[in-house]
Amino acid sequence: MIWLGLLAACLWWGWRERYGLVLAPRLESYAPLLLFYLLAMPLSVLLARRGQSAFFKHGLRQQANALQDWQLCWVYAGQRPGKYQALRIRQQAGKVALDELAVADGLLAGGAEHGALLLRIGEMLWLRQQTAGNWSLIQRQADNTWLEQFSPLLLEALKEVLPTVRELGGQWQAFAERQWRMRQLQAEIPRQEGLLQRVERIAALWQPVAIADAAFAALIRRIDLFNLGDNATPAGILLQGEAGNGKEFIARRIAQSVFAEFHMVEAGSLASAKDVRNFWNARVEANQSCVIYLAYAEQLFGQDERQAMLVQAWLDEWERHPAARSRIWVVMGVTRKELLHKRLLAAFGSAVVEIVAPDAAGRRLLLE
């Protein structure tokens, strides 16, 4: 546009000098100006290109350190957003260095459930390998004028080396995932040791207890779920058996087995729906594992419709505080489950355990 303006000015000057404002001059009147224009135009383009080349080279010298700092990162698979960790390999002080770094969620749009291979070039560029094997630019350094102008040229140059990076990336991914599994296994060792100690303690707790094998198996299965914080943990356990069969004793063993406080509820303390809510609020505010035991639950939550409001209040609070999350576990004792309100009985599901008087072998165990 500048040269077009210059040409128009020259033409106007030529017309004005020879013909005034006549708009039909002869060609020879402004031929020298045209010749000057035709010679100056290529020269100006050459100078502009030379200036761009000098700017590019100057920028390259400034960005030399960043362009030499290539970092290959593997984001471990199976991580949750907000906590992404990656294993990085880079050359540092002439040596290959391995370390871990946190990766911002913004670099992993769409998540990284199955892991992600990233290439970082200094502070300038972040690239991510897609499923098809090609690379995409996911972040560029802000306020970098040189990069803003020449990033297409730089990306074009990178296409020559990215296939080699892709081959190396496959090997790096396999190595990084092995390192991640080893790290997880090492972190798991203390937990497994703790579980083993708990199992040994639980075994010692129940060894002197005279209880039928089927009842013991049912209790231990549910105790394990509670200890693991599994969502399959039942809301509670209903112990059914005649008076004097040791239901309270069993409930106390359950509390010891889940390493929780034992809290026995007096039926008279729950005379209204408000009492039920206050009771549950107190247990929640205590913020500690607790086994709540209610003996002769059929007397408080029986089939009488006048107790329906009390039953509903208990069920509401029970539902609001799942055992796996609140660490509050309900154990109730009844002589016959049929006497319990049907809605409350349904809440126990299959977690109903029959407690019978010890057989001959059990009595011998008690005597020993």
Protein backbone atom coordinates (compact mmCIF):
# COMPACT_ATOMS: atom_id res chain seq x y z
CA MET A 1 0.00 0.00 0.00
CA ILE A 2 2.90 2.38 0.71
CA TRP A 3 4.39 1.77 -2.73
CA LEU A 4 1.04 2.27 -4.42
CA GLY A 5 0.77 5.62 -2.66
CA LEU A 6 4.28 6.52 -3.77
CA LEU A 7 3.46 5.61 -7.35
CA ALA A 8 0.31 7.74 -7.29
CA ALA A 9 2.30 10.68 -5.89
CA CYS A 10 4.91 10.33 -8.63
CA LEU A 11 2.28 10.23 -11.34
CA TRP A 12 0.59 13.30 -9.91
CA TRP A 13 3.91 15.12 -9.80
CA GLY A 14 4.67 14.20 -13.40
CA TRP A 15 1.30 15.39 -14.62
CA ARG A 16 1.52 18.62 -12.66
CA GLU A 17 5.04 19.47 -13.89
CA ARG A 18 4.35 18.95 -17.56
CA TYR A 19 0.62 19.13 -18.09
CA GLY A 20 -0.74 20.79 -15.01
CA LEU A 21 -3.80 18.78 -14.01
CA VAL A 22 -4.32 17.07 -17.33
CA LEU A 23 -5.03 13.37 -16.66
CA ALA A 24 -3.81 12.00 -19.97
CA PRO A 25 -0.02 12.51 -20.08
CA ARG A 26 2.26 10.83 -22.55
CA LEU A 27 4.14 7.73 -21.35
CA GLU A 28 7.63 9.25 -21.71
CA SER A 29 6.72 12.01 -19.28
CA TYR A 30 6.71 9.66 -16.29
CA ALA A 31 8.75 6.73 -17.64
CA PRO A 32 11.70 7.57 -15.33
CA LEU A 33 9.42 7.43 -12.35
CA LEU A 34 8.06 4.04 -13.39
CA LEU A 35 11.57 2.76 -13.91
CA PHE A 36 12.51 3.98 -10.42
CA TYR A 37 9.49 2.24 -8.97
CA LEU A 38 10.26 -1.06 -10.75
CA LEU A 39 13.81 -1.00 -9.41
CA ALA A 40 12.95 0.13 -5.90
CA MET A 41 10.19 -2.39 -5.31
CA PRO A 42 12.35 -5.57 -5.39
CA LEU A 43 14.99 -3.78 -3.38
CA SER A 44 12.50 -2.83 -0.67
CA VAL A 45 11.17 -6.42 -0.52
CA LEU A 46 14.75 -7.68 -0.21
CA LEU A 47 15.47 -5.25 2.60
CA ALA A 48 12.24 -6.20 4.40
CA ARG A 49 13.04 -9.90 4.13
CA ARG A 50 16.54 -9.21 5.38
CA GLY A 51 15.08 -7.33 8.35
CA GLN A 52 12.72 -10.21 9.11
CA SER A 53 15.59 -12.67 8.84
CA ALA A 54 17.69 -10.58 11.21
CA PHE A 55 14.77 -10.39 13.68
CA PHE A 56 14.27 -14.16 13.40
CA LYS A 57 17.97 -14.87 13.98
CA HIS A 58 18.10 -12.43 16.89
CA GLY A 59 15.04 -14.11 18.38
CA LEU A 60 16.60 -17.53 17.88
CA ARG A 61 19.68 -16.44 19.80
CA GLN A 62 17.51 -15.13 22.61
CA GLN A 63 15.40 -18.32 22.69
CA ALA A 64 18.38 -20.66 22.27
CA ASN A 65 18.32 -21.94 25.86
CA ALA A 66 14.59 -22.62 25.75
CA LEU A 67 14.85 -24.40 22.41
CA GLN A 68 17.51 -26.69 23.82
CA ASP A 69 15.46 -27.57 26.92
CA TRP A 70 13.27 -30.46 25.71
CA GLN A 71 11.28 -32.26 28.38
CA LEU A 72 9.32 -35.45 27.75
CA CYS A 73 6.59 -35.98 30.36
CA TRP A 74 4.25 -38.91 30.94
CA VAL A 75 1.13 -38.12 32.99
CA TYR A 76 0.34 -41.26 34.99
CA ALA A 77 -2.90 -43.05 34.18
CA GLY A 78 -5.80 -43.33 36.62
CA GLN A 79 -5.34 -39.98 38.39
CA ARG A 80 -8.04 -37.56 39.47
CA PRO A 81 -8.26 -33.99 38.12
CA GLY A 82 -6.49 -31.49 40.30
CA LYS A 83 -3.81 -33.97 41.33
CA TYR A 84 -2.07 -34.84 38.07
CA GLN A 85 1.53 -35.98 38.45
CA ALA A 86 3.94 -36.73 35.62
CA LEU A 87 7.34 -38.35 35.31
CA ARG A 88 9.70 -36.11 33.36
CA ILE A 89 12.96 -36.84 31.53
CA ARG A 90 15.22 -33.97 30.50
CA GLN A 91 18.83 -33.10 29.92
CA GLN A 92 20.27 -31.00 32.69
CA ALA A 93 23.89 -29.90 33.06
CA GLY A 94 24.90 -32.37 30.38
CA LYS A 95 23.22 -35.30 32.15
CA VAL A 96 19.87 -37.03 31.80
CA ALA A 97 17.66 -36.21 34.78
CA LEU A 98 14.43 -37.83 35.97
CA ASP A 99 11.98 -36.09 38.25
CA GLU A 100 8.28 -35.63 38.90
CA LEU A 101 6.23 -32.51 38.38
CA ALA A 102 2.65 -31.43 38.92
CA VAL A 103 0.66 -30.80 35.74
CA ALA A 104 -2.10 -28.18 35.69
CA ASP A 105 -5.60 -29.29 34.71
CA GLY A 106 -5.64 -26.67 31.96
CA LEU A 107 -3.02 -28.64 30.01
CA LEU A 108 -5.18 -31.76 30.03
CA ALA A 109 -8.49 -30.68 28.58
CA GLY A 110 -10.64 -33.79 28.29
CA GLY A 111 -8.79 -35.47 31.16
CA ALA A 112 -6.01 -38.07 31.19
CA GLU A 113 -7.68 -41.21 32.50
CA HIS A 114 -5.40 -43.41 30.40
CA GLY A 115 -2.34 -41.20 30.78
CA ALA A 116 -0.93 -38.56 28.44
CA LEU A 117 2.39 -37.94 26.71
CA LEU A 118 3.47 -34.29 26.79
CA LEU A 119 6.42 -32.52 25.20
CA ARG A 120 7.60 -29.32 26.79
CA ILE A 121 10.07 -27.00 25.07
CA GLY A 122 11.48 -24.70 27.73
CA GLU A 123 8.85 -22.24 28.87
CA MET A 124 7.72 -21.69 25.30
CA LEU A 125 5.51 -24.57 24.19
CA TRP A 126 3.52 -27.51 25.51
CA LEU A 127 2.47 -30.20 23.01
CA ARG A 128 0.35 -33.28 23.61
CA GLN A 129 0.35 -36.51 21.65
CA GLN A 130 -3.15 -37.43 20.52
CA THR A 131 -4.60 -40.94 20.26
CA ALA A 132 -3.86 -41.08 16.53
CA GLY A 133 -0.18 -40.33 17.22
CA ASN A 134 -0.11 -36.76 15.96
CA TRP A 135 0.86 -33.82 18.17
CA SER A 136 -1.21 -30.78 19.04
CA LEU A 137 -0.20 -27.46 20.57
CA ILE A 138 -1.92 -27.07 23.96
CA GLN A 139 -0.14 -24.05 25.41
CA ARG A 140 2.10 -21.27 24.16
CA GLN A 141 4.11 -18.79 26.25
CA ALA A 142 2.24 -15.54 26.62
CA ASP A 143 3.82 -12.15 25.84
CA ASN A 144 6.48 -13.71 23.59
CA THR A 145 6.47 -11.53 20.46
CA TRP A 146 9.00 -13.66 18.62
CA LEU A 147 7.06 -16.86 19.33
CA GLU A 148 3.77 -15.23 18.37
CA GLN A 149 5.16 -14.27 14.97
CA PHE A 150 7.19 -17.37 14.15
CA SER A 151 5.37 -20.21 15.98
CA PRO A 152 3.94 -21.60 12.67
CA LEU A 153 7.49 -21.77 11.28
CA LEU A 154 8.76 -23.38 14.50
CA LEU A 155 5.95 -25.96 14.51
CA GLU A 156 6.70 -26.76 10.89
CA ALA A 157 10.33 -27.42 11.82
CA LEU A 158 9.24 -29.58 14.76
CA LYS A 159 7.34 -31.89 12.41
CA GLU A 160 10.71 -33.20 11.24
CA VAL A 161 11.67 -34.49 14.69
CA LEU A 162 8.31 -35.35 16.28
CA PRO A 163 8.14 -38.85 14.71
CA THR A 164 11.36 -39.70 16.56
CA VAL A 165 9.91 -38.23 19.76
CA ARG A 166 6.81 -40.38 19.27
CA GLU A 167 8.91 -43.56 19.09
CA LEU A 168 10.82 -42.55 22.21
CA GLY A 169 7.53 -41.61 23.90
CA GLY A 170 6.19 -45.16 23.65
CA GLN A 171 9.21 -46.51 25.51
CA TRP A 172 9.05 -43.67 28.01
CA GLN A 173 5.37 -44.39 28.71
CA ALA A 174 6.08 -48.04 29.51
CA PHE A 175 8.95 -47.09 31.83
CA ALA A 176 6.96 -44.37 33.58
CA GLU A 177 3.98 -46.66 34.20
CA ARG A 178 6.27 -49.28 35.74
CA GLN A 179 7.69 -46.60 38.02
CA TRP A 180 4.15 -45.52 38.96
CA ARG A 181 3.09 -49.08 39.82
CA MET A 182 6.18 -49.57 41.94
CA ARG A 183 5.46 -46.34 43.77
CA GLN A 184 1.85 -47.37 44.41
CA LEU A 185 2.93 -50.78 45.65
CA GLN A 186 5.47 -49.24 48.01
CA ALA A 187 2.81 -46.87 49.34
CA GLU A 188 0.47 -49.84 49.77
CA ILE A 189 2.88 -51.80 51.98
CA PRO A 190 2.19 -49.85 55.22
CA ARG A 191 -1.56 -50.09 54.63
CA GLN A 192 -1.36 -53.84 54.04
CA GLU A 193 0.77 -54.24 57.13
CA GLY A 194 -1.82 -52.28 59.09
CA LEU A 195 -4.60 -54.48 57.72
CA LEU A 196 -2.66 -57.60 58.68
CA GLN A 197 -2.26 -56.32 62.22
CA ARG A 198 -5.97 -55.58 62.35
CA VAL A 199 -6.81 -59.08 61.11
CA GLU A 200 -4.60 -60.59 63.79
CA ARG A 201 -6.25 -58.44 66.44
CA ILE A 202 -9.74 -59.31 65.21
CA ALA A 203 -8.85 -63.01 65.19
CA ALA A 204 -7.66 -62.71 68.80
CA LEU A 205 -10.91 -60.90 69.74
CA TRP A 206 -13.18 -63.60 68.37
CA GLN A 207 -11.13 -66.67 69.21
CA PRO A 208 -12.69 -67.13 72.69
CA VAL A 209 -16.25 -66.29 71.53
CA ALA A 210 -18.61 -69.26 71.35
CA ILE A 211 -20.65 -68.47 68.23
CA ALA A 212 -22.00 -70.57 65.37
CA ASP A 213 -19.77 -70.69 62.27
CA ALA A 214 -22.48 -69.28 59.99
CA ALA A 215 -23.09 -66.32 62.32
CA PHE A 216 -19.36 -65.67 62.67
CA ALA A 217 -18.85 -65.72 58.89
CA ALA A 218 -21.75 -63.29 58.38
CA LEU A 219 -20.40 -60.89 61.00
CA ILE A 220 -16.78 -60.97 59.80
CA ARG A 221 -17.82 -60.35 56.18
CA ARG A 222 -19.67 -57.19 57.17
CA ILE A 223 -16.97 -56.08 59.60
CA ASP A 224 -14.42 -56.25 56.77
CA LEU A 225 -16.63 -54.03 54.58
CA PHE A 226 -16.92 -51.43 57.34
CA ASN A 227 -13.17 -51.45 58.02
CA LEU A 228 -12.43 -50.93 54.33
CA GLY A 229 -14.94 -48.07 54.08
CA ASP A 230 -16.70 -49.95 51.30
CA ASN A 231 -19.95 -48.46 50.02
CA ALA A 232 -21.41 -51.97 50.19
CA THR A 233 -21.28 -51.79 53.99
CA PRO A 234 -24.80 -52.46 55.29
CA ALA A 235 -26.52 -49.69 57.24
CA GLY A 236 -26.38 -51.88 60.32
CA ILE A 237 -26.60 -55.39 61.74
CA LEU A 238 -29.66 -56.92 63.35
CA LEU A 239 -28.89 -59.56 65.98
CA GLN A 240 -31.80 -61.93 66.55
CA GLY A 241 -31.96 -64.32 69.47
CA GLU A 242 -33.51 -65.13 72.82
CA ALA A 243 -32.75 -63.04 75.86
CA GLY A 244 -29.48 -64.05 77.50
CA ASN A 245 -27.89 -65.37 74.29
CA GLY A 246 -25.16 -62.72 74.38
CA LYS A 247 -26.35 -60.18 71.80
CA GLU A 248 -24.89 -57.23 73.71
CA PHE A 249 -21.62 -59.12 74.14
CA ILE A 250 -21.49 -59.72 70.38
CA ALA A 251 -22.27 -56.04 69.72
CA ARG A 252 -19.35 -55.01 71.92
CA ARG A 253 -17.05 -57.39 70.00
CA ILE A 254 -18.25 -55.81 66.75
CA ALA A 255 -17.31 -52.36 68.08
CA GLN A 256 -13.84 -53.62 69.07
CA SER A 257 -13.42 -55.26 65.65
CA VAL A 258 -14.08 -52.00 63.81
CA PHE A 259 -11.98 -50.01 66.31
CA ALA A 260 -14.94 -47.86 67.29
CA GLU A 261 -16.51 -46.55 70.48
CA PHE A 262 -19.43 -48.61 71.81
CA HIS A 263 -22.50 -46.55 72.64
CA MET A 264 -25.54 -48.26 74.14
CA VAL A 265 -28.86 -46.48 73.65
CA GLU A 266 -31.46 -46.49 76.37
CA ALA A 267 -34.92 -46.88 74.86
CA GLY A 268 -36.38 -44.30 77.22
CA SER A 269 -34.04 -41.61 75.83
CA LEU A 270 -35.77 -41.68 72.44
CA ALA A 271 -39.34 -40.68 73.26
CA SER A 272 -39.91 -38.38 70.24
CA ALA A 273 -38.69 -37.57 66.75
CA LYS A 274 -36.81 -34.59 68.21
CA ASP A 275 -34.98 -36.92 70.60
CA VAL A 276 -33.92 -39.08 67.64
CA ARG A 277 -32.58 -36.08 65.72
CA ASN A 278 -30.71 -34.77 68.76
CA PHE A 279 -29.20 -38.20 69.37
CA TRP A 280 -27.90 -38.50 65.81
CA ASN A 281 -26.61 -34.94 65.78
CA ALA A 282 -24.62 -35.62 68.93
CA ARG A 283 -23.02 -38.72 67.40
CA VAL A 284 -22.15 -36.86 64.18
CA GLU A 285 -20.65 -33.91 66.05
CA ALA A 286 -18.48 -36.30 68.08
CA ASN A 287 -16.77 -37.10 64.75
CA GLN A 288 -15.46 -40.52 65.69
CA SER A 289 -16.18 -44.12 64.74
CA CYS A 290 -19.05 -45.41 66.80
CA VAL A 291 -21.19 -48.54 67.10
CA ILE A 292 -24.68 -47.73 68.37
CA TYR A 293 -26.38 -50.63 70.10
CA LEU A 294 -30.09 -50.69 70.85
CA ALA A 295 -31.28 -53.72 72.85
CA TYR A 296 -34.86 -54.97 72.53
CA ALA A 297 -35.39 -52.69 69.54
CA GLU A 298 -38.88 -54.13 68.98
CA GLN A 299 -40.05 -52.30 72.10
CA LEU A 300 -39.11 -48.93 70.60
CA PHE A 301 -39.64 -49.62 66.89
CA GLY A 302 -42.40 -52.20 66.98
CA GLN A 303 -45.34 -52.82 64.68
CA ASP A 304 -47.58 -50.39 66.57
CA GLU A 305 -48.57 -47.60 64.17
CA ARG A 306 -48.26 -45.11 67.02
CA GLN A 307 -44.50 -45.68 66.74
CA ALA A 308 -44.48 -44.90 63.02
CA MET A 309 -43.36 -41.30 63.54
CA LEU A 310 -40.42 -42.45 65.64
CA VAL A 311 -39.52 -45.07 63.04
CA GLN A 312 -39.64 -42.47 60.27
CA ALA A 313 -37.40 -40.06 62.21
CA TRP A 314 -34.85 -42.84 62.79
CA LEU A 315 -34.88 -43.90 59.12
CA ASP A 316 -34.43 -40.30 57.97
CA GLU A 317 -31.33 -39.81 60.11
CA TRP A 318 -30.01 -43.26 59.26
CA GLU A 319 -30.27 -42.55 55.55
CA ARG A 320 -28.54 -39.18 55.91
CA HIS A 321 -25.48 -40.80 57.53
CA PRO A 322 -24.33 -43.90 55.57
CA ALA A 323 -22.08 -46.11 57.67
CA ALA A 324 -19.17 -46.14 55.21
CA ARG A 325 -19.00 -42.33 55.23
CA SER A 326 -20.12 -41.33 58.73
CA ARG A 327 -18.37 -44.25 60.49
CA ILE A 328 -21.52 -44.65 62.62
CA TRP A 329 -22.78 -48.23 62.60
CA VAL A 330 -26.09 -49.33 64.03
CA VAL A 331 -26.49 -52.70 65.75
CA MET A 332 -29.89 -53.69 67.13
CA GLY A 333 -30.95 -56.67 69.16
CA VAL A 334 -34.40 -58.33 68.94
CA THR A 335 -35.85 -61.55 70.21
CA ARG A 336 -37.75 -62.10 66.95
CA LYS A 337 -37.28 -60.00 63.83
CA GLU A 338 -41.01 -60.25 63.00
CA LEU A 339 -41.72 -57.98 65.98
CA LEU A 340 -39.68 -55.14 64.46
CA HIS A 341 -41.41 -52.51 62.31
CA LYS A 342 -41.37 -53.77 58.71
CA ARG A 343 -39.75 -50.63 57.30
CA LEU A 344 -36.93 -50.80 59.82
CA LEU A 345 -36.48 -54.51 59.17
CA ALA A 346 -36.24 -53.82 55.43
CA ALA A 347 -33.46 -51.30 56.09
CA PHE A 348 -31.23 -54.07 57.48
CA GLY A 349 -31.62 -56.09 54.29
CA SER A 350 -29.70 -59.36 54.54
CA ALA A 351 -27.64 -58.21 57.54
CA VAL A 352 -29.72 -60.24 60.01
CA VAL A 353 -27.66 -62.64 62.12
CA GLU A 354 -29.14 -65.37 64.29
CA ILE A 355 -27.48 -65.62 67.72
CA VAL A 356 -28.19 -68.95 69.39
CA ALA A 357 -27.08 -70.45 72.69
CA PRO A 358 -23.67 -72.14 72.45
CA ASP A 359 -23.64 -75.83 71.60
CA ALA A 360 -21.64 -78.44 73.50
CA ALA A 361 -18.36 -77.38 71.84
CA GLY A 362 -19.11 -73.76 72.62
CA ARG A 363 -19.83 -74.49 76.25
CA ARG A 364 -16.57 -76.38 76.57
CA LEU A 365 -14.79 -73.36 75.04
CA LEU A 366 -16.41 -71.07 77.61
CA LEU A 367 -15.39 -73.35 80.47
CA GLU A 368 -11.80 -73.43 79.27
